[in-house]
Amino acid sequence: MHESSSVSELAKQLKDELKRYSVDEKLPSSRALVERFRVSPVTVSRALAQLSAEGLVVTRPGAGAYKAAPRATVPVGDTSWQEVALSADSATELVPRAVDASGVLMTLAAPPPGVIEFNGGYLHQNLQPTAAMAAALARAGRRPGAWNRPPVDGLPELRSWFARGIGGAVTAAEVLVTAGGQSALATALRALAPPGAPVLVESPTYPGMLAIARAEGLRPVPVPVDRDGVRPHLLAQAFKATGARLFVCQPLFQNPTGAVLSAERRPEVLRIAREAGAFVIEDDFVRRLVHEDAGPLPMPLATDDPDGVVVHVCSLTKATSPSLRIGCLAARGPVLERLRAIQVVDHLFVPGPLQEATLELVGSPAWPRHLRTVARELKQRRDTLTTAVTGQVPELSLTHVPVGGYHLWLRLPDGTDERRLVGGALRAGVAVAPGGPYFAAESPAPYIRLSFVAAAGTAEITEGVRRLRVACDELLPG
């Protein structure tokens, strides 16, 4: 076994060998396992920790690891009472809560080995600034006071950095540091809409936001988008018809369409919301995943909003690593205090070492180099995927090629069962995301979303499209 062997592979081999051991018999030393399997000490340590968590071995400090005695059989209880307890409140709720994480899990679940990942939402490991993040975390951990309790609003220097990135008149005092974008969205939705209230959302839109809204007992109301973003006259009609006081949008490289809210529509959206007495949650989630050929980007909506209509959400996670869960909320006026209160009640504060590491990372020379590398690589991967899809699977309609973000939004031929196609693609060795979960109501047509950010490179993207072609040959209407 070579150094690159996974922890799970070593754990499996050790698990098989344990069958020949007696209870309380000692396993070979960690050094012996390193030499025998030709892996690192960290791999051995993690494999033994996995076996310990499964109750197969016990580790004794200074003595080693031993085969554990079989666990006693625990009687199976009767949990059927929970069905009544969990549904009891629904009879009194205006809009029953629906806690459904399936739309989020479809982009978080790792595909089976050998399957090409076109459904992921985070940078592939070879695009992450791993060395820079490791160095930043090491430096941060040595900072005086790094492990003390941080300010509940976030470190002042990090709040200032986020404020400069938003621009306009936004100040550090109007910024709260959050544990990633998903956490910020959850805080904002809880703060701005009571249970049972309608909330206007783009259609299609990010399933994770829909999941938060429904879990809070809100009622998502779809407002269609086109390649220039949300359609203002439909937004105005939706406010009037529903009495909603909240609209959630992604003005830049919208998920899943890749649309950018046009310069003409930006002031219209703010005017319509202001006249409705409503807030706009601006989810600026991929500003740092701009492609090399994008040109100048529009500023966040928050920069054009002196009246506190916009609550701005952004995150560094998409541009770094799924485990660097750092983001921000920015707002002005009395709503900021409500956002702060909910954030403190739910999370207390974001861990200080993580904030310190983020400051180290974004202040290092490696940060701008990383962003330039990502911009170049994403353009290459986008172009490769676009060329492969249009050339090999022309039945899939691609009407917009984004210059930022990490995915393509493809309409399937009428009559296609998108769920069957997604299943067929997985059997062919490529994981894609179905379009249905991106709609708050019935989908007007079948779609799939293809991500090019989680693949290992252009060669894997080309192979993924070849596999998708195989699934389409079997399942698309003739």
Protein backbone atom coordinates (compact mmCIF):
# COMPACT_ATOMS: atom_id res chain seq x y z
CA MET A 1 0.00 0.00 0.00
CA HIS A 2 1.39 3.43 -0.97
CA GLU A 3 1.35 6.72 0.90
CA SER A 4 -1.65 7.97 -1.10
CA SER A 5 -3.85 5.11 0.13
CA SER A 6 -6.93 6.37 1.91
CA VAL A 7 -7.73 6.02 5.57
CA SER A 8 -10.80 3.98 4.70
CA GLU A 9 -8.74 1.47 2.70
CA LEU A 10 -6.32 0.92 5.61
CA ALA A 11 -9.21 0.68 8.08
CA LYS A 12 -10.84 -1.98 5.89
CA GLN A 13 -7.67 -4.08 5.81
CA LEU A 14 -7.20 -3.79 9.56
CA LYS A 15 -10.85 -4.66 10.11
CA ASP A 16 -10.40 -7.88 8.11
CA GLU A 17 -7.29 -8.78 10.12
CA LEU A 18 -9.09 -8.20 13.42
CA LYS A 19 -11.23 -11.26 12.70
CA ARG A 20 -8.15 -13.38 13.50
CA TYR A 21 -7.44 -11.60 16.78
CA SER A 22 -8.62 -12.56 20.25
CA VAL A 23 -10.38 -10.03 22.45
CA ASP A 24 -7.83 -7.75 24.13
CA GLU A 25 -5.04 -8.93 21.83
CA LYS A 26 -2.66 -6.11 20.92
CA LEU A 27 -2.38 -4.84 17.36
CA PRO A 28 1.03 -4.09 15.83
CA SER A 29 2.52 -0.75 16.81
CA SER A 30 1.80 2.35 14.76
CA ARG A 31 5.41 2.33 13.54
CA ALA A 32 5.06 -1.26 12.39
CA LEU A 33 1.83 -0.44 10.54
CA VAL A 34 3.50 2.54 8.86
CA GLU A 35 6.36 0.37 7.61
CA ARG A 36 4.15 -2.57 6.60
CA PHE A 37 1.51 -0.65 4.67
CA ARG A 38 3.83 2.16 3.52
CA VAL A 39 1.53 4.93 4.69
CA SER A 40 2.00 8.02 6.82
CA PRO A 41 1.65 8.04 10.62
CA VAL A 42 -1.37 10.33 10.20
CA THR A 43 -3.11 7.73 7.99
CA VAL A 44 -2.47 5.03 10.60
CA SER A 45 -3.69 7.25 13.42
CA ARG A 46 -6.91 8.12 11.59
CA ALA A 47 -7.58 4.51 10.58
CA LEU A 48 -7.22 3.38 14.19
CA ALA A 49 -9.47 6.25 15.30
CA GLN A 50 -12.09 5.08 12.82
CA LEU A 51 -11.94 1.52 14.18
CA SER A 52 -12.14 2.88 17.71
CA ALA A 53 -15.24 4.91 16.82
CA GLU A 54 -16.82 1.73 15.44
CA GLY A 55 -16.09 -0.06 18.72
CA LEU A 56 -13.67 -2.54 17.13
CA VAL A 57 -10.51 -1.47 18.94
CA VAL A 58 -9.63 0.33 22.16
CA THR A 59 -6.56 2.53 22.38
CA ARG A 60 -4.60 2.82 25.61
CA PRO A 61 -2.25 5.80 25.87
CA GLY A 62 1.33 4.66 25.95
CA ALA A 63 0.37 1.00 25.43
CA GLY A 64 -1.12 0.77 21.94
CA ALA A 65 -4.34 -0.49 20.33
CA TYR A 66 -6.19 -3.69 21.30
CA LYS A 67 -9.12 -5.62 19.88
CA ALA A 68 -12.25 -4.57 21.73
CA ALA A 69 -14.80 -6.88 23.26
CA PRO A 70 -18.05 -7.12 21.28
CA ARG A 71 -20.57 -4.49 22.26
CA ALA A 72 -23.53 -5.67 24.24
CA THR A 73 -26.74 -5.95 22.22
CA VAL A 74 -28.97 -2.95 22.94
CA PRO A 75 -32.71 -3.65 22.86
CA VAL A 76 -34.50 -1.96 19.98
CA GLY A 77 -36.82 0.70 21.38
CA ASP A 78 -40.15 1.95 20.08
CA THR A 79 -39.73 5.42 18.55
CA SER A 80 -43.13 5.54 16.89
CA TRP A 81 -44.30 8.10 19.49
CA GLN A 82 -42.07 10.66 17.77
CA GLU A 83 -44.34 10.77 14.72
CA VAL A 84 -47.07 12.27 16.90
CA ALA A 85 -44.72 14.61 18.78
CA LEU A 86 -43.04 15.97 15.65
CA SER A 87 -46.31 16.62 13.84
CA ALA A 88 -48.33 17.97 16.76
CA ASP A 89 -47.50 21.62 16.01
CA SER A 90 -48.45 21.38 12.33
CA ALA A 91 -52.16 21.56 13.16
CA THR A 92 -51.73 25.04 14.62
CA GLU A 93 -49.15 26.41 12.14
CA LEU A 94 -50.36 28.64 9.32
CA VAL A 95 -47.59 27.25 7.10
CA PRO A 96 -46.26 23.95 8.50
CA ARG A 97 -42.49 23.74 8.61
CA ALA A 98 -40.92 21.41 6.07
CA VAL A 99 -37.41 20.37 7.08
CA ASP A 100 -36.08 18.91 3.85
CA ALA A 101 -32.32 18.92 3.25
CA SER A 102 -32.42 16.93 0.00
CA GLY A 103 -31.80 19.99 -2.17
CA VAL A 104 -28.67 20.78 -0.16
CA LEU A 105 -27.44 17.21 0.17
CA MET A 106 -27.45 16.68 -3.59
CA THR A 107 -24.45 19.04 -3.79
CA LEU A 108 -22.81 17.92 -0.54
CA ALA A 109 -22.95 14.14 -0.88
CA ALA A 110 -19.73 12.70 -2.28
CA PRO A 111 -20.40 10.55 -5.36
CA PRO A 112 -19.33 6.89 -5.38
CA PRO A 113 -15.70 6.15 -6.29
CA GLY A 114 -15.04 6.56 -10.00
CA VAL A 115 -18.01 8.86 -10.59
CA ILE A 116 -17.22 12.27 -12.09
CA GLU A 117 -18.69 15.06 -10.00
CA PHE A 118 -20.76 17.51 -12.06
CA ASN A 119 -23.09 18.23 -9.11
CA GLY A 120 -20.59 19.73 -6.65
CA GLY A 121 -20.58 23.30 -5.42
CA TYR A 122 -17.06 23.69 -4.05
CA LEU A 123 -13.62 24.02 -5.59
CA HIS A 124 -11.87 20.76 -6.39
CA GLN A 125 -8.98 20.16 -4.04
CA ASN A 126 -6.49 21.03 -6.78
CA LEU A 127 -8.03 24.52 -7.00
CA GLN A 128 -8.11 25.22 -3.27
CA PRO A 129 -5.33 27.37 -1.73
CA THR A 130 -4.42 24.50 0.56
CA ALA A 131 -0.84 25.53 1.32
CA ALA A 132 -1.80 29.15 1.90
CA MET A 133 -4.68 28.16 4.20
CA ALA A 134 -2.46 25.79 6.19
CA ALA A 135 0.18 28.49 6.62
CA ALA A 136 -2.47 31.04 7.59
CA LEU A 137 -3.98 28.71 10.18
CA ALA A 138 -0.56 27.97 11.65
CA ARG A 139 0.27 31.68 11.94
CA ALA A 140 -3.17 32.48 13.34
CA GLY A 141 -2.90 29.82 16.02
CA ARG A 142 0.22 31.48 17.37
CA ARG A 143 -1.24 34.98 17.55
CA PRO A 144 -1.57 36.33 21.11
CA GLY A 145 -5.17 35.99 22.20
CA ALA A 146 -6.20 33.95 19.15
CA TRP A 147 -7.87 31.34 21.32
CA ASN A 148 -9.72 33.81 23.52
CA ARG A 149 -13.38 34.66 23.04
CA PRO A 150 -13.69 36.97 20.00
CA PRO A 151 -16.11 39.92 19.73
CA VAL A 152 -19.61 38.64 18.96
CA ASP A 153 -19.79 40.83 15.83
CA GLY A 154 -16.47 39.52 14.57
CA LEU A 155 -12.89 40.76 14.60
CA PRO A 156 -12.79 44.49 13.74
CA GLU A 157 -10.09 43.98 11.10
CA LEU A 158 -12.12 41.26 9.35
CA ARG A 159 -15.28 43.37 9.43
CA SER A 160 -13.31 46.21 7.85
CA TRP A 161 -12.00 43.89 5.14
CA PHE A 162 -15.52 42.73 4.27
CA ALA A 163 -16.79 46.33 4.27
CA ARG A 164 -14.08 47.38 1.77
CA GLY A 165 -15.05 44.46 -0.45
CA ILE A 166 -18.70 45.51 -0.50
CA GLY A 167 -17.79 49.13 -1.24
CA GLY A 168 -19.95 52.20 -1.31
CA ALA A 169 -20.76 53.72 2.05
CA VAL A 170 -20.81 50.40 3.93
CA THR A 171 -18.74 50.64 7.10
CA ALA A 172 -17.21 48.03 9.38
CA ALA A 173 -19.81 48.91 12.02
CA GLU A 174 -22.51 47.66 9.64
CA VAL A 175 -20.90 44.24 9.12
CA LEU A 176 -21.34 41.04 11.13
CA VAL A 177 -18.98 38.10 10.60
CA THR A 178 -20.87 34.84 10.11
CA ALA A 179 -20.08 31.13 9.93
CA GLY A 180 -20.44 31.02 6.14
CA GLY A 181 -23.12 32.09 3.69
CA GLN A 182 -25.71 29.47 4.63
CA SER A 183 -25.62 30.61 8.24
CA ALA A 184 -25.95 34.24 7.15
CA LEU A 185 -28.98 33.43 4.99
CA ALA A 186 -30.63 31.58 7.85
CA THR A 187 -30.09 34.52 10.20
CA ALA A 188 -31.43 37.01 7.66
CA LEU A 189 -34.55 34.99 6.86
CA ARG A 190 -35.36 34.54 10.55
CA ALA A 191 -34.84 38.23 11.19
CA LEU A 192 -36.85 39.60 8.30
CA ALA A 193 -39.94 37.37 7.99
CA PRO A 194 -42.17 35.83 10.67
CA PRO A 195 -43.38 32.21 10.39
CA GLY A 196 -46.18 31.90 7.86
CA ALA A 197 -45.13 34.96 5.88
CA PRO A 198 -44.61 34.93 2.11
CA VAL A 199 -41.07 35.52 0.85
CA LEU A 200 -40.41 36.34 -2.80
CA VAL A 201 -37.64 34.28 -4.41
CA GLU A 202 -36.13 34.08 -7.85
CA SER A 203 -37.33 31.23 -10.03
CA PRO A 204 -35.27 29.11 -10.35
CA THR A 205 -33.11 29.68 -7.27
CA TYR A 206 -30.72 28.10 -4.78
CA PRO A 207 -32.32 25.04 -3.10
CA GLY A 208 -30.47 25.67 0.16
CA MET A 209 -32.24 28.99 0.60
CA LEU A 210 -35.61 27.38 -0.15
CA ALA A 211 -34.84 24.74 2.47
CA ILE A 212 -34.09 27.40 5.10
CA ALA A 213 -37.28 29.30 4.29
CA ARG A 214 -39.48 26.23 4.54
CA ALA A 215 -37.79 25.08 7.73
CA GLU A 216 -38.66 28.47 9.25
CA GLY A 217 -42.29 28.09 8.19
CA LEU A 218 -42.06 30.72 5.42
CA ARG A 219 -43.90 30.49 2.11
CA PRO A 220 -41.58 30.93 -0.90
CA VAL A 221 -43.30 32.69 -3.82
CA PRO A 222 -41.46 32.37 -7.16
CA VAL A 223 -40.65 35.35 -9.42
CA PRO A 224 -39.23 34.34 -12.83
CA VAL A 225 -35.77 35.40 -14.01
CA ASP A 226 -34.25 35.63 -17.47
CA ARG A 227 -30.65 36.22 -18.58
CA ASP A 228 -30.85 39.82 -17.24
CA GLY A 229 -31.98 38.73 -13.78
CA VAL A 230 -35.33 39.02 -12.06
CA ARG A 231 -38.12 40.55 -14.16
CA PRO A 232 -39.12 43.81 -12.43
CA HIS A 233 -42.77 43.98 -13.54
CA LEU A 234 -43.35 40.44 -12.22
CA LEU A 235 -41.58 41.36 -8.99
CA ALA A 236 -43.90 44.34 -8.53
CA GLN A 237 -46.93 42.16 -9.23
CA ALA A 238 -45.75 39.57 -6.70
CA PHE A 239 -45.30 42.18 -3.97
CA LYS A 240 -48.79 43.54 -4.66
CA ALA A 241 -50.47 40.12 -4.80
CA THR A 242 -48.85 38.63 -1.69
CA GLY A 243 -48.12 41.58 0.59
CA ALA A 244 -44.62 40.17 1.03
CA ARG A 245 -42.02 42.24 2.84
CA LEU A 246 -38.96 40.31 1.69
CA PHE A 247 -37.27 39.40 -1.61
CA VAL A 248 -34.21 37.11 -1.83
CA CYS A 249 -32.02 37.42 -4.91
CA GLN A 250 -28.59 36.66 -6.33
CA PRO A 251 -27.84 39.63 -8.62
CA LEU A 252 -24.42 38.33 -9.71
CA PHE A 253 -24.00 34.96 -11.50
CA GLN A 254 -27.30 33.67 -10.18
CA ASN A 255 -27.59 30.04 -9.12
CA PRO A 256 -28.51 28.14 -11.25
CA THR A 257 -28.93 30.30 -14.38
CA GLY A 258 -25.70 32.31 -14.18
CA ALA A 259 -27.67 35.50 -14.90
CA VAL A 260 -26.41 38.96 -13.91
CA LEU A 261 -28.98 41.57 -12.93
CA SER A 262 -28.72 44.21 -15.66
CA ALA A 263 -27.77 47.83 -15.01
CA GLU A 264 -31.26 48.92 -16.08
CA ARG A 265 -32.99 46.56 -13.65
CA ARG A 266 -30.87 47.25 -10.57
CA PRO A 267 -32.51 50.57 -9.62
CA GLU A 268 -35.92 49.18 -10.57
CA VAL A 269 -35.58 46.30 -8.12
CA LEU A 270 -34.57 48.65 -5.30
CA ARG A 271 -37.37 51.09 -6.12
CA ILE A 272 -40.02 48.34 -6.21
CA ALA A 273 -38.86 46.91 -2.88
CA ARG A 274 -38.70 50.34 -1.26
CA GLU A 275 -42.24 51.19 -2.40
CA ALA A 276 -43.46 47.86 -1.02
CA GLY A 277 -41.81 48.58 2.33
CA ALA A 278 -39.76 45.41 1.84
CA PHE A 279 -36.20 44.23 2.39
CA VAL A 280 -33.99 42.68 -0.26
CA ILE A 281 -31.56 39.93 0.80
CA GLU A 282 -28.66 40.13 -1.65
CA ASP A 283 -26.84 36.78 -1.74
CA ASP A 284 -23.50 37.77 -3.32
CA PHE A 285 -22.13 34.25 -3.08
CA VAL A 286 -19.65 33.94 -5.98
CA ARG A 287 -18.22 37.40 -6.59
CA ARG A 288 -14.75 35.93 -6.10
CA LEU A 289 -15.36 33.16 -8.66
CA VAL A 290 -15.26 35.54 -11.62
CA HIS A 291 -13.83 34.15 -14.87
CA GLU A 292 -10.76 35.55 -16.58
CA ASP A 293 -12.78 37.00 -19.47
CA ALA A 294 -15.49 38.65 -17.38
CA GLY A 295 -14.45 42.28 -17.48
CA PRO A 296 -15.46 44.77 -14.76
CA LEU A 297 -18.15 43.50 -12.39
CA PRO A 298 -21.15 45.50 -11.17
CA MET A 299 -20.90 46.57 -7.56
CA PRO A 300 -23.16 44.89 -4.98
CA LEU A 301 -26.70 46.22 -4.73
CA ALA A 302 -25.86 47.36 -1.22
CA THR A 303 -23.59 50.07 -2.62
CA ASP A 304 -26.59 51.77 -4.32
CA ASP A 305 -28.79 51.60 -1.23
CA PRO A 306 -28.57 54.47 1.27
CA ASP A 307 -31.96 53.62 2.80
CA GLY A 308 -31.22 50.19 4.30
CA VAL A 309 -33.38 48.18 1.88
CA VAL A 310 -30.61 45.69 1.15
CA VAL A 311 -29.27 43.10 3.59
CA HIS A 312 -26.06 41.91 2.01
CA VAL A 313 -24.76 38.33 2.37
CA CYS A 314 -21.41 37.10 1.13
CA SER A 315 -18.99 34.29 1.86
CA LEU A 316 -15.38 33.25 1.29
CA THR A 317 -16.20 29.54 1.30
CA LYS A 318 -16.83 29.13 -2.43
CA ALA A 319 -13.50 30.73 -3.29
CA THR A 320 -11.44 28.75 -0.80
CA SER A 321 -12.58 25.52 0.80
CA PRO A 322 -15.85 24.02 2.06
CA SER A 323 -14.30 24.01 5.54
CA LEU A 324 -13.42 27.72 5.60
CA ARG A 325 -16.88 28.71 6.69
CA ILE A 326 -16.52 32.47 6.96
CA GLY A 327 -18.99 35.01 5.60
CA CYS A 328 -20.69 38.25 6.50
CA LEU A 329 -23.98 40.06 6.86
CA ALA A 330 -24.09 43.79 6.14
CA ALA A 331 -27.07 46.04 6.88
CA ARG A 332 -27.87 49.54 8.03
CA GLY A 333 -30.57 50.84 10.31
CA PRO A 334 -32.50 49.15 13.14
CA VAL A 335 -32.49 45.80 11.31
CA LEU A 336 -28.79 45.42 12.11
CA GLU A 337 -29.56 45.00 15.81
CA ARG A 338 -32.12 42.30 15.08
CA LEU A 339 -29.64 40.46 12.86
CA ARG A 340 -27.00 40.73 15.58
CA ALA A 341 -29.35 39.42 18.26
CA ILE A 342 -30.39 36.37 16.23
CA GLN A 343 -26.80 35.65 15.29
CA VAL A 344 -25.72 35.71 18.93
CA VAL A 345 -28.63 33.56 20.10
CA ASP A 346 -28.03 30.96 17.39
CA HIS A 347 -24.23 30.85 17.23
CA LEU A 348 -22.75 33.03 20.03
CA PHE A 349 -19.77 33.92 17.82
CA VAL A 350 -17.57 32.63 15.01
CA PRO A 351 -14.46 30.87 16.39
CA GLY A 352 -11.57 33.30 16.81
CA PRO A 353 -8.83 31.12 15.28
CA LEU A 354 -10.87 30.73 12.09
CA GLN A 355 -11.33 34.49 11.84
CA GLU A 356 -7.64 35.07 12.52
CA ALA A 357 -6.69 32.51 9.87
CA THR A 358 -8.98 34.24 7.37
CA LEU A 359 -7.27 37.56 8.04
CA GLU A 360 -3.89 35.94 7.54
CA LEU A 361 -5.03 34.37 4.28
CA VAL A 362 -6.62 37.41 2.63
CA GLY A 363 -3.74 39.62 3.74
CA SER A 364 -1.06 37.39 2.24
CA PRO A 365 0.49 37.69 -1.27
CA ALA A 366 -0.92 34.21 -1.94
CA TRP A 367 -4.52 35.51 -1.93
CA PRO A 368 -4.50 37.62 -5.14
CA ARG A 369 -2.43 34.91 -6.85
CA HIS A 370 -5.04 32.34 -5.88
CA LEU A 371 -7.90 34.44 -7.24
CA ARG A 372 -6.07 34.94 -10.56
CA THR A 373 -5.44 31.20 -10.81
CA VAL A 374 -9.08 30.37 -10.09
CA ALA A 375 -10.26 32.93 -12.67
CA ARG A 376 -8.06 31.37 -15.33
CA GLU A 377 -8.92 27.77 -14.44
CA LEU A 378 -12.67 28.36 -14.25
CA LYS A 379 -12.70 29.95 -17.71
CA GLN A 380 -10.86 26.94 -19.14
CA ARG A 381 -13.21 24.49 -17.44
CA ARG A 382 -16.30 26.46 -18.46
CA ASP A 383 -15.13 26.57 -22.08
CA THR A 384 -14.33 22.86 -22.06
CA LEU A 385 -17.74 21.95 -20.66
CA THR A 386 -19.58 24.32 -23.02
CA THR A 387 -17.80 22.98 -26.09
CA ALA A 388 -18.29 19.37 -25.05
CA VAL A 389 -22.00 19.76 -24.27
CA THR A 390 -22.89 21.73 -27.41
CA GLY A 391 -20.85 19.38 -29.57
CA GLN A 392 -21.72 16.01 -28.08
CA VAL A 393 -25.14 16.52 -26.48
CA PRO A 394 -26.84 19.17 -28.65
CA GLU A 395 -30.27 18.05 -27.39
CA LEU A 396 -29.49 19.93 -24.17
CA SER A 397 -30.33 23.60 -24.65
CA LEU A 398 -27.77 26.07 -23.34
CA THR A 399 -29.02 29.63 -23.75
CA HIS A 400 -26.52 31.44 -21.52
CA VAL A 401 -22.79 30.97 -20.93
CA PRO A 402 -21.86 32.77 -17.69
CA VAL A 403 -18.61 34.64 -17.11
CA GLY A 404 -18.59 33.84 -13.40
CA GLY A 405 -19.69 31.12 -11.03
CA TYR A 406 -19.24 27.42 -11.53
CA HIS A 407 -22.11 25.85 -13.43
CA LEU A 408 -24.19 25.63 -16.62
CA TRP A 409 -28.01 25.48 -16.63
CA LEU A 410 -29.36 23.21 -19.35
CA ARG A 411 -32.92 22.68 -20.49
CA LEU A 412 -33.82 19.11 -21.41
CA PRO A 413 -36.10 18.18 -24.30
CA ASP A 414 -39.81 18.36 -23.48
CA GLY A 415 -41.06 15.09 -22.07
CA THR A 416 -37.75 14.15 -20.44
CA ASP A 417 -37.97 12.65 -16.97
CA GLU A 418 -35.11 14.56 -15.37
CA ARG A 419 -34.95 12.26 -12.34
CA ARG A 420 -34.54 9.21 -14.57
CA LEU A 421 -31.85 11.02 -16.56
CA VAL A 422 -30.00 11.93 -13.36
CA GLY A 423 -30.17 8.29 -12.26
CA GLY A 424 -29.03 7.07 -15.67
CA ALA A 425 -26.12 9.51 -15.65
CA LEU A 426 -25.03 8.22 -12.26
CA ARG A 427 -25.09 4.66 -13.57
CA ALA A 428 -22.97 5.85 -16.50
CA GLY A 429 -20.46 7.33 -14.05
CA VAL A 430 -21.29 11.03 -13.85
CA ALA A 431 -23.26 12.84 -11.11
CA VAL A 432 -25.46 15.76 -12.24
CA ALA A 433 -28.05 17.85 -10.39
CA PRO A 434 -31.76 17.69 -11.34
CA GLY A 435 -33.48 21.01 -12.02
CA GLY A 436 -36.66 20.40 -10.01
CA PRO A 437 -35.28 21.34 -6.55
CA TYR A 438 -34.32 24.80 -7.88
CA PHE A 439 -37.98 25.78 -8.29
CA ALA A 440 -40.19 26.94 -5.42
CA ALA A 441 -43.28 25.69 -7.27
CA GLU A 442 -43.81 23.42 -10.28
CA SER A 443 -40.95 23.44 -12.76
CA PRO A 444 -41.96 24.89 -16.15
CA ALA A 445 -39.65 22.44 -17.95
CA PRO A 446 -37.09 19.72 -17.21
CA TYR A 447 -33.56 20.96 -16.48
CA ILE A 448 -30.21 19.77 -15.18
CA ARG A 449 -27.34 21.76 -13.71
CA LEU A 450 -23.76 20.85 -14.57
CA SER A 451 -20.98 22.13 -12.33
CA PHE A 452 -17.43 22.40 -13.65
CA VAL A 453 -15.76 23.41 -10.40
CA ALA A 454 -15.60 20.05 -8.60
CA ALA A 455 -14.06 18.05 -11.45
CA ALA A 456 -10.33 17.32 -11.37
CA GLY A 457 -9.66 19.13 -14.65
CA THR A 458 -10.57 19.55 -18.30
CA ALA A 459 -9.85 15.93 -19.19
CA GLU A 460 -12.28 14.73 -16.54
CA ILE A 461 -14.88 17.23 -17.75
CA THR A 462 -14.61 15.89 -21.30
CA GLU A 463 -14.96 12.33 -20.06
CA GLY A 464 -17.94 13.33 -17.92
CA VAL A 465 -19.78 14.68 -20.94
CA ARG A 466 -19.03 11.47 -22.85
CA ARG A 467 -20.67 9.51 -20.03
CA LEU A 468 -23.62 11.91 -20.02
CA ARG A 469 -24.02 11.24 -23.73
CA VAL A 470 -24.37 7.52 -22.94
CA ALA A 471 -27.17 8.25 -20.45
CA CYS A 472 -28.92 10.58 -22.88
CA ASP A 473 -28.86 7.93 -25.62
CA GLU A 474 -30.74 5.62 -23.30
CA LEU A 475 -33.22 8.01 -21.71
CA LEU A 476 -33.93 11.11 -23.81
CA PRO A 477 -37.16 11.05 -25.81
CA GLY A 478 -36.56 9.83 -29.37
